[in-house]
Amino acid sequence: MTLRKHKRYDRILIGWSVGIIVPLIIFLITYQVKYSGMDFINYLKSMWQMKILLKLLSLCVFPNLGFFFLFYRLKYDMAARGVIMATFMYAFLVLIAKLL
């Protein structure tokens, strides 16, 4: 029974949600720690003009690796797949933004 209870978190949507939300939280923490005195919109504009925004966003995805390995170790294979899907979505977003 307890195995079935824990396996309910082994879903692609759970992993995908974690993979999407964690980099955004890391991005917001970076803003709060370094540039909290600046307006958030101005922060985004200045990061875009300096061509740093995509690099920072790429670095914010690295914690997904930890969640991938956590889900993999817990044998939550579907959740681990969801994290990988979200990470690839960020990669495609960065690739498309660089091409534009």
PDB file of N, CA and C in Angstrom:
ATOM      1  N   MET A   1       0.819  -1.198   0.000  1.00  0.00           N
ATOM      2  CA  MET A   1       0.000   0.000   0.000  1.00  0.00           C
ATOM      3  C   MET A   1       0.863   1.262   0.000  1.00  0.00           C
ATOM      4  N   THR A   2       1.921   1.279   0.815  1.00  0.00           N
ATOM      5  CA  THR A   2       2.745   2.491   0.862  1.00  0.00           C
ATOM      6  C   THR A   2       3.490   2.690  -0.442  1.00  0.00           C
ATOM      7  N   LEU A   3       3.856   1.587  -1.114  1.00  0.00           N
ATOM      8  CA  LEU A   3       4.530   1.713  -2.404  1.00  0.00           C
ATOM      9  C   LEU A   3       3.598   2.370  -3.423  1.00  0.00           C
ATOM     10  N   ARG A   4       2.352   1.978  -3.418  1.00  0.00           N
ATOM     11  CA  ARG A   4       1.387   2.553  -4.349  1.00  0.00           C
ATOM     12  C   ARG A   4       1.148   4.026  -4.016  1.00  0.00           C
ATOM     13  N   LYS A   5       1.121   4.360  -2.730  1.00  0.00           N
ATOM     14  CA  LYS A   5       0.897   5.738  -2.308  1.00  0.00           C
ATOM     15  C   LYS A   5       2.027   6.639  -2.811  1.00  0.00           C
ATOM     16  N   HIS A   6       3.256   6.183  -2.701  1.00  0.00           N
ATOM     17  CA  HIS A   6       4.394   6.976  -3.147  1.00  0.00           C
ATOM     18  C   HIS A   6       4.487   7.023  -4.671  1.00  0.00           C
ATOM     19  N   LYS A   7       4.059   5.982  -5.330  1.00  0.00           N
ATOM     20  CA  LYS A   7       4.158   5.926  -6.786  1.00  0.00           C
ATOM     21  C   LYS A   7       3.174   6.883  -7.460  1.00  0.00           C
ATOM     22  N   ARG A   8       2.227   7.429  -6.721  1.00  0.00           N
ATOM     23  CA  ARG A   8       1.299   8.366  -7.352  1.00  0.00           C
ATOM     24  C   ARG A   8       2.006   9.654  -7.761  1.00  0.00           C
ATOM     25  N   TYR A   9       3.189   9.908  -7.191  1.00  0.00           N
ATOM     26  CA  TYR A   9       3.974  11.077  -7.584  1.00  0.00           C
ATOM     27  C   TYR A   9       4.854  10.789  -8.801  1.00  0.00           C
ATOM     28  N   ASP A  10       4.852   9.558  -9.260  1.00  0.00           N
ATOM     29  CA  ASP A  10       5.654   9.171 -10.425  1.00  0.00           C
ATOM     30  C   ASP A  10       4.861   9.452 -11.696  1.00  0.00           C
ATOM     31  N   ARG A  11       4.728  10.736 -11.993  1.00  0.00           N
ATOM     32  CA  ARG A  11       3.981  11.176 -13.171  1.00  0.00           C
ATOM     33  C   ARG A  11       4.807  12.190 -13.948  1.00  0.00           C
ATOM     34  N   ILE A  12       4.630  12.178 -15.252  1.00  0.00           N
ATOM     35  CA  ILE A  12       5.366  13.116 -16.099  1.00  0.00           C
ATOM     36  C   ILE A  12       5.020  14.552 -15.729  1.00  0.00           C
ATOM     37  N   LEU A  13       3.750  14.812 -15.415  1.00  0.00           N
ATOM     38  CA  LEU A  13       3.331  16.170 -15.077  1.00  0.00           C
ATOM     39  C   LEU A  13       4.025  16.682 -13.818  1.00  0.00           C
ATOM     40  N   ILE A  14       4.233  15.820 -12.843  1.00  0.00           N
ATOM     41  CA  ILE A  14       4.941  16.218 -11.619  1.00  0.00           C
ATOM     42  C   ILE A  14       6.371  16.617 -11.963  1.00  0.00           C
ATOM     43  N   GLY A  15       7.070  15.789 -12.701  1.00  0.00           N
ATOM     44  CA  GLY A  15       8.447  16.083 -13.083  1.00  0.00           C
ATOM     45  C   GLY A  15       8.543  17.307 -13.969  1.00  0.00           C
ATOM     46  N   TRP A  16       7.600  17.448 -14.906  1.00  0.00           N
ATOM     47  CA  TRP A  16       7.596  18.602 -15.796  1.00  0.00           C
ATOM     48  C   TRP A  16       7.366  19.884 -15.001  1.00  0.00           C
ATOM     49  N   SER A  17       6.447  19.842 -14.045  1.00  0.00           N
ATOM     50  CA  SER A  17       6.181  21.022 -13.214  1.00  0.00           C
ATOM     51  C   SER A  17       7.413  21.415 -12.412  1.00  0.00           C
ATOM     52  N   VAL A  18       8.064  20.440 -11.816  1.00  0.00           N
ATOM     53  CA  VAL A  18       9.290  20.716 -11.063  1.00  0.00           C
ATOM     54  C   VAL A  18      10.349  21.291 -11.993  1.00  0.00           C
ATOM     55  N   GLY A  19      10.487  20.704 -13.172  1.00  0.00           N
ATOM     56  CA  GLY A  19      11.493  21.148 -14.138  1.00  0.00           C
ATOM     57  C   GLY A  19      11.245  22.539 -14.683  1.00  0.00           C
ATOM     58  N   ILE A  20       9.997  22.982 -14.701  1.00  0.00           N
ATOM     59  CA  ILE A  20       9.674  24.332 -15.171  1.00  0.00           C
ATOM     60  C   ILE A  20       9.803  25.342 -14.038  1.00  0.00           C
ATOM     61  N   ILE A  21       9.345  24.991 -12.857  1.00  0.00           N
ATOM     62  CA  ILE A  21       9.270  25.941 -11.749  1.00  0.00           C
ATOM     63  C   ILE A  21      10.621  26.188 -11.093  1.00  0.00           C
ATOM     64  N   VAL A  22      11.426  25.167 -10.911  1.00  0.00           N
ATOM     65  CA  VAL A  22      12.708  25.317 -10.199  1.00  0.00           C
ATOM     66  C   VAL A  22      13.636  26.332 -10.867  1.00  0.00           C
ATOM     67  N   PRO A  23      13.843  26.292 -12.200  1.00  0.00           N
ATOM     68  CA  PRO A  23      14.702  27.322 -12.797  1.00  0.00           C
ATOM     69  C   PRO A  23      14.160  28.744 -12.627  1.00  0.00           C
ATOM     70  N   LEU A  24      12.838  28.883 -12.665  1.00  0.00           N
ATOM     71  CA  LEU A  24      12.255  30.207 -12.444  1.00  0.00           C
ATOM     72  C   LEU A  24      12.499  30.697 -11.027  1.00  0.00           C
ATOM     73  N   ILE A  25      12.407  29.794 -10.070  1.00  0.00           N
ATOM     74  CA  ILE A  25      12.686  30.155  -8.671  1.00  0.00           C
ATOM     75  C   ILE A  25      14.156  30.543  -8.514  1.00  0.00           C
ATOM     76  N   ILE A  26      15.051  29.790  -9.129  1.00  0.00           N
ATOM     77  CA  ILE A  26      16.474  30.115  -9.071  1.00  0.00           C
ATOM     78  C   ILE A  26      16.732  31.477  -9.711  1.00  0.00           C
ATOM     79  N   PHE A  27      16.056  31.760 -10.821  1.00  0.00           N
ATOM     80  CA  PHE A  27      16.196  33.049 -11.490  1.00  0.00           C
ATOM     81  C   PHE A  27      15.727  34.188 -10.577  1.00  0.00           C
ATOM     82  N   LEU A  28      14.601  34.002  -9.912  1.00  0.00           N
ATOM     83  CA  LEU A  28      14.084  35.022  -9.003  1.00  0.00           C
ATOM     84  C   LEU A  28      14.970  35.193  -7.772  1.00  0.00           C
ATOM     85  N   ILE A  29      15.539  34.106  -7.278  1.00  0.00           N
ATOM     86  CA  ILE A  29      16.468  34.207  -6.146  1.00  0.00           C
ATOM     87  C   ILE A  29      17.706  34.988  -6.559  1.00  0.00           C
ATOM     88  N   THR A  30      18.191  34.737  -7.763  1.00  0.00           N
ATOM     89  CA  THR A  30      19.349  35.484  -8.267  1.00  0.00           C
ATOM     90  C   THR A  30      19.035  36.970  -8.337  1.00  0.00           C
ATOM     91  N   TYR A  31      17.847  37.293  -8.816  1.00  0.00           N
ATOM     92  CA  TYR A  31      17.430  38.701  -8.877  1.00  0.00           C
ATOM     93  C   TYR A  31      17.368  39.305  -7.473  1.00  0.00           C
ATOM     94  N   GLN A  32      16.769  38.589  -6.531  1.00  0.00           N
ATOM     95  CA  GLN A  32      16.610  39.116  -5.167  1.00  0.00           C
ATOM     96  C   GLN A  32      17.944  39.305  -4.465  1.00  0.00           C
ATOM     97  N   VAL A  33      18.864  38.398  -4.688  1.00  0.00           N
ATOM     98  CA  VAL A  33      20.152  38.463  -3.985  1.00  0.00           C
ATOM     99  C   VAL A  33      21.038  39.563  -4.556  1.00  0.00           C
ATOM    100  N   LYS A  34      21.081  39.687  -5.874  1.00  0.00           N
ATOM    101  CA  LYS A  34      22.036  40.611  -6.495  1.00  0.00           C
ATOM    102  C   LYS A  34      21.445  41.973  -6.855  1.00  0.00           C
ATOM    103  N   TYR A  35      20.198  41.998  -7.324  1.00  0.00           N
ATOM    104  CA  TYR A  35      19.667  43.224  -7.924  1.00  0.00           C
ATOM    105  C   TYR A  35      18.308  43.614  -7.356  1.00  0.00           C
ATOM    106  N   SER A  36      18.056  43.388  -6.098  1.00  0.00           N
ATOM    107  CA  SER A  36      16.741  43.661  -5.538  1.00  0.00           C
ATOM    108  C   SER A  36      16.401  45.153  -5.540  1.00  0.00           C
ATOM    109  N   GLY A  37      17.399  46.023  -5.612  1.00  0.00           N
ATOM    110  CA  GLY A  37      17.139  47.454  -5.645  1.00  0.00           C
ATOM    111  C   GLY A  37      16.612  47.930  -6.987  1.00  0.00           C
ATOM    112  N   MET A  38      16.761  47.134  -8.023  1.00  0.00           N
ATOM    113  CA  MET A  38      16.331  47.499  -9.375  1.00  0.00           C
ATOM    114  C   MET A  38      14.936  46.942  -9.633  1.00  0.00           C
ATOM    115  N   ASP A  39      14.139  47.669 -10.392  1.00  0.00           N
ATOM    116  CA  ASP A  39      12.825  47.195 -10.806  1.00  0.00           C
ATOM    117  C   ASP A  39      13.006  45.936 -11.663  1.00  0.00           C
ATOM    118  N   PHE A  40      12.123  44.956 -11.498  1.00  0.00           N
ATOM    119  CA  PHE A  40      12.284  43.672 -12.176  1.00  0.00           C
ATOM    120  C   PHE A  40      12.246  43.819 -13.703  1.00  0.00           C
ATOM    121  N   ILE A  41      11.352  44.650 -14.209  1.00  0.00           N
ATOM    122  CA  ILE A  41      11.265  44.845 -15.660  1.00  0.00           C
ATOM    123  C   ILE A  41      12.545  45.485 -16.192  1.00  0.00           C
ATOM    124  N   ASN A  42      13.060  46.473 -15.481  1.00  0.00           N
ATOM    125  CA  ASN A  42      14.324  47.096 -15.887  1.00  0.00           C
ATOM    126  C   ASN A  42      15.475  46.100 -15.805  1.00  0.00           C
ATOM    127  N   TYR A  43      15.417  45.238 -14.814  1.00  0.00           N
ATOM    128  CA  TYR A  43      16.422  44.181 -14.671  1.00  0.00           C
ATOM    129  C   TYR A  43      16.415  43.276 -15.905  1.00  0.00           C
ATOM    130  N   LEU A  44      15.221  42.849 -16.321  1.00  0.00           N
ATOM    131  CA  LEU A  44      15.117  41.992 -17.504  1.00  0.00           C
ATOM    132  C   LEU A  44      15.600  42.707 -18.754  1.00  0.00           C
ATOM    133  N   LYS A  45      15.212  43.973 -18.910  1.00  0.00           N
ATOM    134  CA  LYS A  45      15.634  44.737 -20.081  1.00  0.00           C
ATOM    135  C   LYS A  45      17.146  44.904 -20.125  1.00  0.00           C
ATOM    136  N   SER A  46      17.739  45.226 -18.989  1.00  0.00           N
ATOM    137  CA  SER A  46      19.191  45.422 -18.978  1.00  0.00           C
ATOM    138  C   SER A  46      19.933  44.110 -19.202  1.00  0.00           C
ATOM    139  N   MET A  47      19.412  43.020 -18.664  1.00  0.00           N
ATOM    140  CA  MET A  47      20.033  41.716 -18.892  1.00  0.00           C
ATOM    141  C   MET A  47      19.934  41.337 -20.372  1.00  0.00           C
ATOM    142  N   TRP A  48      18.816  41.663 -21.009  1.00  0.00           N
ATOM    143  CA  TRP A  48      18.643  41.364 -22.432  1.00  0.00           C
ATOM    144  C   TRP A  48      19.591  42.209 -23.278  1.00  0.00           C
ATOM    145  N   GLN A  49      19.717  43.486 -22.946  1.00  0.00           N
ATOM    146  CA  GLN A  49      20.588  44.383 -23.709  1.00  0.00           C
ATOM    147  C   GLN A  49      22.053  43.977 -23.575  1.00  0.00           C
ATOM    148  N   MET A  50      22.440  43.508 -22.403  1.00  0.00           N
ATOM    149  CA  MET A  50      23.825  43.074 -22.200  1.00  0.00           C
ATOM    150  C   MET A  50      24.065  41.657 -22.706  1.00  0.00           C
ATOM    151  N   LYS A  51      22.991  41.027 -23.229  1.00  0.00           N
ATOM    152  CA  LYS A  51      23.049  39.657 -23.756  1.00  0.00           C
ATOM    153  C   LYS A  51      23.480  38.641 -22.698  1.00  0.00           C
ATOM    154  N   ILE A  52      22.974  38.852 -21.496  1.00  0.00           N
ATOM    155  CA  ILE A  52      23.276  37.956 -20.384  1.00  0.00           C
ATOM    156  C   ILE A  52      22.058  37.124 -19.996  1.00  0.00           C
ATOM    157  N   LEU A  53      20.874  37.569 -20.362  1.00  0.00           N
ATOM    158  CA  LEU A  53      19.641  36.924 -19.918  1.00  0.00           C
ATOM    159  C   LEU A  53      19.598  35.449 -20.303  1.00  0.00           C
ATOM    160  N   LEU A  54      19.926  35.120 -21.528  1.00  0.00           N
ATOM    161  CA  LEU A  54      19.865  33.725 -21.971  1.00  0.00           C
ATOM    162  C   LEU A  54      20.931  32.870 -21.287  1.00  0.00           C
ATOM    163  N   LYS A  55      22.080  33.472 -21.043  1.00  0.00           N
ATOM    164  CA  LYS A  55      23.132  32.727 -20.340  1.00  0.00           C
ATOM    165  C   LYS A  55      22.717  32.433 -18.905  1.00  0.00           C
ATOM    166  N   LEU A  56      22.127  33.429 -18.249  1.00  0.00           N
ATOM    167  CA  LEU A  56      21.668  33.222 -16.877  1.00  0.00           C
ATOM    168  C   LEU A  56      20.547  32.194 -16.826  1.00  0.00           C
ATOM    169  N   LEU A  57      19.623  32.282 -17.779  1.00  0.00           N
ATOM    170  CA  LEU A  57      18.539  31.307 -17.836  1.00  0.00           C
ATOM    171  C   LEU A  57      19.083  29.895 -18.052  1.00  0.00           C
ATOM    172  N   SER A  58      20.110  29.777 -18.875  1.00  0.00           N
ATOM    173  CA  SER A  58      20.728  28.469 -19.101  1.00  0.00           C
ATOM    174  C   SER A  58      21.352  27.917 -17.822  1.00  0.00           C
ATOM    175  N   LEU A  59      21.960  28.787 -17.039  1.00  0.00           N
ATOM    176  CA  LEU A  59      22.560  28.342 -15.776  1.00  0.00           C
ATOM    177  C   LEU A  59      21.505  27.983 -14.730  1.00  0.00           C
ATOM    178  N   CYS A  60      20.363  28.641 -14.784  1.00  0.00           N
ATOM    179  CA  CYS A  60      19.305  28.361 -13.811  1.00  0.00           C
ATOM    180  C   CYS A  60      18.687  26.981 -14.004  1.00  0.00           C
ATOM    181  N   VAL A  61      18.930  26.350 -15.133  1.00  0.00           N
ATOM    182  CA  VAL A  61      18.366  25.031 -15.412  1.00  0.00           C
ATOM    183  C   VAL A  61      19.185  23.920 -14.752  1.00  0.00           C
ATOM    184  N   PHE A  62      20.403  24.206 -14.341  1.00  0.00           N
ATOM    185  CA  PHE A  62      21.264  23.172 -13.751  1.00  0.00           C
ATOM    186  C   PHE A  62      20.674  22.466 -12.523  1.00  0.00           C
ATOM    187  N   PRO A  63      19.925  23.133 -11.652  1.00  0.00           N
ATOM    188  CA  PRO A  63      19.325  22.382 -10.532  1.00  0.00           C
ATOM    189  C   PRO A  63      18.374  21.283 -10.973  1.00  0.00           C
ATOM    190  N   ASN A  64      17.880  21.351 -12.209  1.00  0.00           N
ATOM    191  CA  ASN A  64      17.044  20.261 -12.717  1.00  0.00           C
ATOM    192  C   ASN A  64      17.791  18.937 -12.723  1.00  0.00           C
ATOM    193  N   LEU A  65      19.092  18.998 -12.893  1.00  0.00           N
ATOM    194  CA  LEU A  65      19.898  17.781 -12.869  1.00  0.00           C
ATOM    195  C   LEU A  65      19.773  17.069 -11.518  1.00  0.00           C
ATOM    196  N   GLY A  66      19.797  17.841 -10.455  1.00  0.00           N
ATOM    197  CA  GLY A  66      19.633  17.261  -9.118  1.00  0.00           C
ATOM    198  C   GLY A  66      18.273  16.608  -8.942  1.00  0.00           C
ATOM    199  N   PHE A  67      17.225  17.272  -9.430  1.00  0.00           N
ATOM    200  CA  PHE A  67      15.895  16.683  -9.317  1.00  0.00           C
ATOM    201  C   PHE A  67      15.751  15.457 -10.212  1.00  0.00           C
ATOM    202  N   PHE A  68      16.390  15.479 -11.373  1.00  0.00           N
ATOM    203  CA  PHE A  68      16.374  14.303 -12.230  1.00  0.00           C
ATOM    204  C   PHE A  68      16.982  13.106 -11.498  1.00  0.00           C
ATOM    205  N   PHE A  69      18.159  13.314 -10.901  1.00  0.00           N
ATOM    206  CA  PHE A  69      18.806  12.212 -10.193  1.00  0.00           C
ATOM    207  C   PHE A  69      18.023  11.794  -8.958  1.00  0.00           C
ATOM    208  N   LEU A  70      17.368  12.720  -8.285  1.00  0.00           N
ATOM    209  CA  LEU A  70      16.526  12.373  -7.134  1.00  0.00           C
ATOM    210  C   LEU A  70      15.374  11.478  -7.575  1.00  0.00           C
ATOM    211  N   PHE A  71      14.671  11.893  -8.612  1.00  0.00           N
ATOM    212  CA  PHE A  71      13.563  11.070  -9.114  1.00  0.00           C
ATOM    213  C   PHE A  71      14.063   9.723  -9.629  1.00  0.00           C
ATOM    214  N   TYR A  72      15.204   9.735 -10.287  1.00  0.00           N
ATOM    215  CA  TYR A  72      15.761   8.484 -10.806  1.00  0.00           C
ATOM    216  C   TYR A  72      16.127   7.534  -9.657  1.00  0.00           C
ATOM    217  N   ARG A  73      16.722   8.078  -8.603  1.00  0.00           N
ATOM    218  CA  ARG A  73      17.118   7.252  -7.450  1.00  0.00           C
ATOM    219  C   ARG A  73      15.899   6.684  -6.722  1.00  0.00           C
ATOM    220  N   LEU A  74      14.821   7.480  -6.688  1.00  0.00           N
ATOM    221  CA  LEU A  74      13.590   7.012  -6.053  1.00  0.00           C
ATOM    222  C   LEU A  74      12.787   6.076  -6.962  1.00  0.00           C
ATOM    223  N   LYS A  75      13.312   5.826  -8.157  1.00  0.00           N
ATOM    224  CA  LYS A  75      12.668   4.993  -9.167  1.00  0.00           C
ATOM    225  C   LYS A  75      11.354   5.608  -9.651  1.00  0.00           C
ATOM    226  N   TYR A  76      11.328   6.937  -9.703  1.00  0.00           N
ATOM    227  CA  TYR A  76      10.204   7.673 -10.286  1.00  0.00           C
ATOM    228  C   TYR A  76      10.596   8.007 -11.726  1.00  0.00           C
ATOM    229  N   ASP A  77      10.572   6.984 -12.565  1.00  0.00           N
ATOM    230  CA  ASP A  77      11.055   7.148 -13.935  1.00  0.00           C
ATOM    231  C   ASP A  77      10.224   8.135 -14.740  1.00  0.00           C
ATOM    232  N   MET A  78       8.926   8.138 -14.555  1.00  0.00           N
ATOM    233  CA  MET A  78       8.078   9.059 -15.312  1.00  0.00           C
ATOM    234  C   MET A  78       8.326  10.507 -14.870  1.00  0.00           C
ATOM    235  N   ALA A  79       8.503  10.736 -13.583  1.00  0.00           N
ATOM    236  CA  ALA A  79       8.797  12.084 -13.095  1.00  0.00           C
ATOM    237  C   ALA A  79      10.159  12.546 -13.606  1.00  0.00           C
ATOM    238  N   ALA A  80      11.122  11.640 -13.646  1.00  0.00           N
ATOM    239  CA  ALA A  80      12.444  11.976 -14.185  1.00  0.00           C
ATOM    240  C   ALA A  80      12.330  12.353 -15.660  1.00  0.00           C
ATOM    241  N   ARG A  81      11.493  11.657 -16.402  1.00  0.00           N
ATOM    242  CA  ARG A  81      11.269  12.011 -17.809  1.00  0.00           C
ATOM    243  C   ARG A  81      10.662  13.402 -17.933  1.00  0.00           C
ATOM    244  N   GLY A  82       9.764  13.725 -17.019  1.00  0.00           N
ATOM    245  CA  GLY A  82       9.155  15.050 -17.039  1.00  0.00           C
ATOM    246  C   GLY A  82      10.175  16.154 -16.823  1.00  0.00           C
ATOM    247  N   VAL A  83      11.127  15.921 -15.917  1.00  0.00           N
ATOM    248  CA  VAL A  83      12.186  16.906 -15.678  1.00  0.00           C
ATOM    249  C   VAL A  83      13.029  17.075 -16.936  1.00  0.00           C
ATOM    250  N   ILE A  84      13.352  15.972 -17.595  1.00  0.00           N
ATOM    251  CA  ILE A  84      14.135  16.048 -18.833  1.00  0.00           C
ATOM    252  C   ILE A  84      13.354  16.795 -19.910  1.00  0.00           C
ATOM    253  N   MET A  85      12.052  16.560 -20.005  1.00  0.00           N
ATOM    254  CA  MET A  85      11.231  17.269 -20.981  1.00  0.00           C
ATOM    255  C   MET A  85      11.265  18.770 -20.736  1.00  0.00           C
ATOM    256  N   ALA A  86      11.125  19.176 -19.485  1.00  0.00           N
ATOM    257  CA  ALA A  86      11.149  20.600 -19.152  1.00  0.00           C
ATOM    258  C   ALA A  86      12.514  21.207 -19.459  1.00  0.00           C
ATOM    259  N   THR A  87      13.570  20.461 -19.190  1.00  0.00           N
ATOM    260  CA  THR A  87      14.917  20.952 -19.466  1.00  0.00           C
ATOM    261  C   THR A  87      15.117  21.144 -20.968  1.00  0.00           C
ATOM    262  N   PHE A  88      14.623  20.207 -21.762  1.00  0.00           N
ATOM    263  CA  PHE A  88      14.711  20.366 -23.212  1.00  0.00           C
ATOM    264  C   PHE A  88      13.869  21.539 -23.698  1.00  0.00           C
ATOM    265  N   MET A  89      12.749  21.790 -23.045  1.00  0.00           N
ATOM    266  CA  MET A  89      11.932  22.950 -23.422  1.00  0.00           C
ATOM    267  C   MET A  89      12.708  24.242 -23.197  1.00  0.00           C
ATOM    268  N   TYR A  90      13.402  24.333 -22.060  1.00  0.00           N
ATOM    269  CA  TYR A  90      14.247  25.503 -21.810  1.00  0.00           C
ATOM    270  C   TYR A  90      15.360  25.592 -22.863  1.00  0.00           C
ATOM    271  N   ALA A  91      15.938  24.469 -23.215  1.00  0.00           N
ATOM    272  CA  ALA A  91      17.014  24.475 -24.214  1.00  0.00           C
ATOM    273  C   ALA A  91      16.500  24.973 -25.565  1.00  0.00           C
ATOM    274  N   PHE A  92      15.328  24.518 -25.963  1.00  0.00           N
ATOM    275  CA  PHE A  92      14.758  24.989 -27.223  1.00  0.00           C
ATOM    276  C   PHE A  92      14.396  26.471 -27.152  1.00  0.00           C
ATOM    277  N   LEU A  93      13.913  26.916 -26.012  1.00  0.00           N
ATOM    278  CA  LEU A  93      13.602  28.336 -25.828  1.00  0.00           C
ATOM    279  C   LEU A  93      14.850  29.187 -26.005  1.00  0.00           C
ATOM    280  N   VAL A  94      15.943  28.768 -25.386  1.00  0.00           N
ATOM    281  CA  VAL A  94      17.209  29.487 -25.511  1.00  0.00           C
ATOM    282  C   VAL A  94      17.709  29.443 -26.952  1.00  0.00           C
ATOM    283  N   LEU A  95      17.604  28.295 -27.593  1.00  0.00           N
ATOM    284  CA  LEU A  95      18.048  28.164 -28.983  1.00  0.00           C
ATOM    285  C   LEU A  95      17.248  29.083 -29.912  1.00  0.00           C
ATOM    286  N   ILE A  96      15.939  29.092 -29.744  1.00  0.00           N
ATOM    287  CA  ILE A  96      15.105  29.956 -30.586  1.00  0.00           C
ATOM    288  C   ILE A  96      15.408  31.433 -30.320  1.00  0.00           C
ATOM    289  N   ALA A  97      15.586  31.794 -29.063  1.00  0.00           N
ATOM    290  CA  ALA A  97      15.891  33.187 -28.734  1.00  0.00           C
ATOM    291  C   ALA A  97      17.249  33.607 -29.310  1.00  0.00           C
ATOM    292  N   LYS A  98      18.195  32.693 -29.340  1.00  0.00           N
ATOM    293  CA  LYS A  98      19.512  33.023 -29.908  1.00  0.00           C
ATOM    294  C   LYS A  98      19.434  33.183 -31.426  1.00  0.00           C
ATOM    295  N   LEU A  99      18.551  32.441 -32.059  1.00  0.00           N
ATOM    296  CA  LEU A  99      18.411  32.534 -33.504  1.00  0.00           C
ATOM    297  C   LEU A  99      17.683  33.807 -33.928  1.00  0.00           C
ATOM    298  N   LEU A 100      16.882  34.344 -33.040  1.00  0.00           N
ATOM    299  CA  LEU A 100      16.148  35.577 -33.379  1.00  0.00           C
ATOM    300  C   LEU A 100      16.983  36.775 -33.191  1.00  0.00           C
TER     301      LEU A 100
END
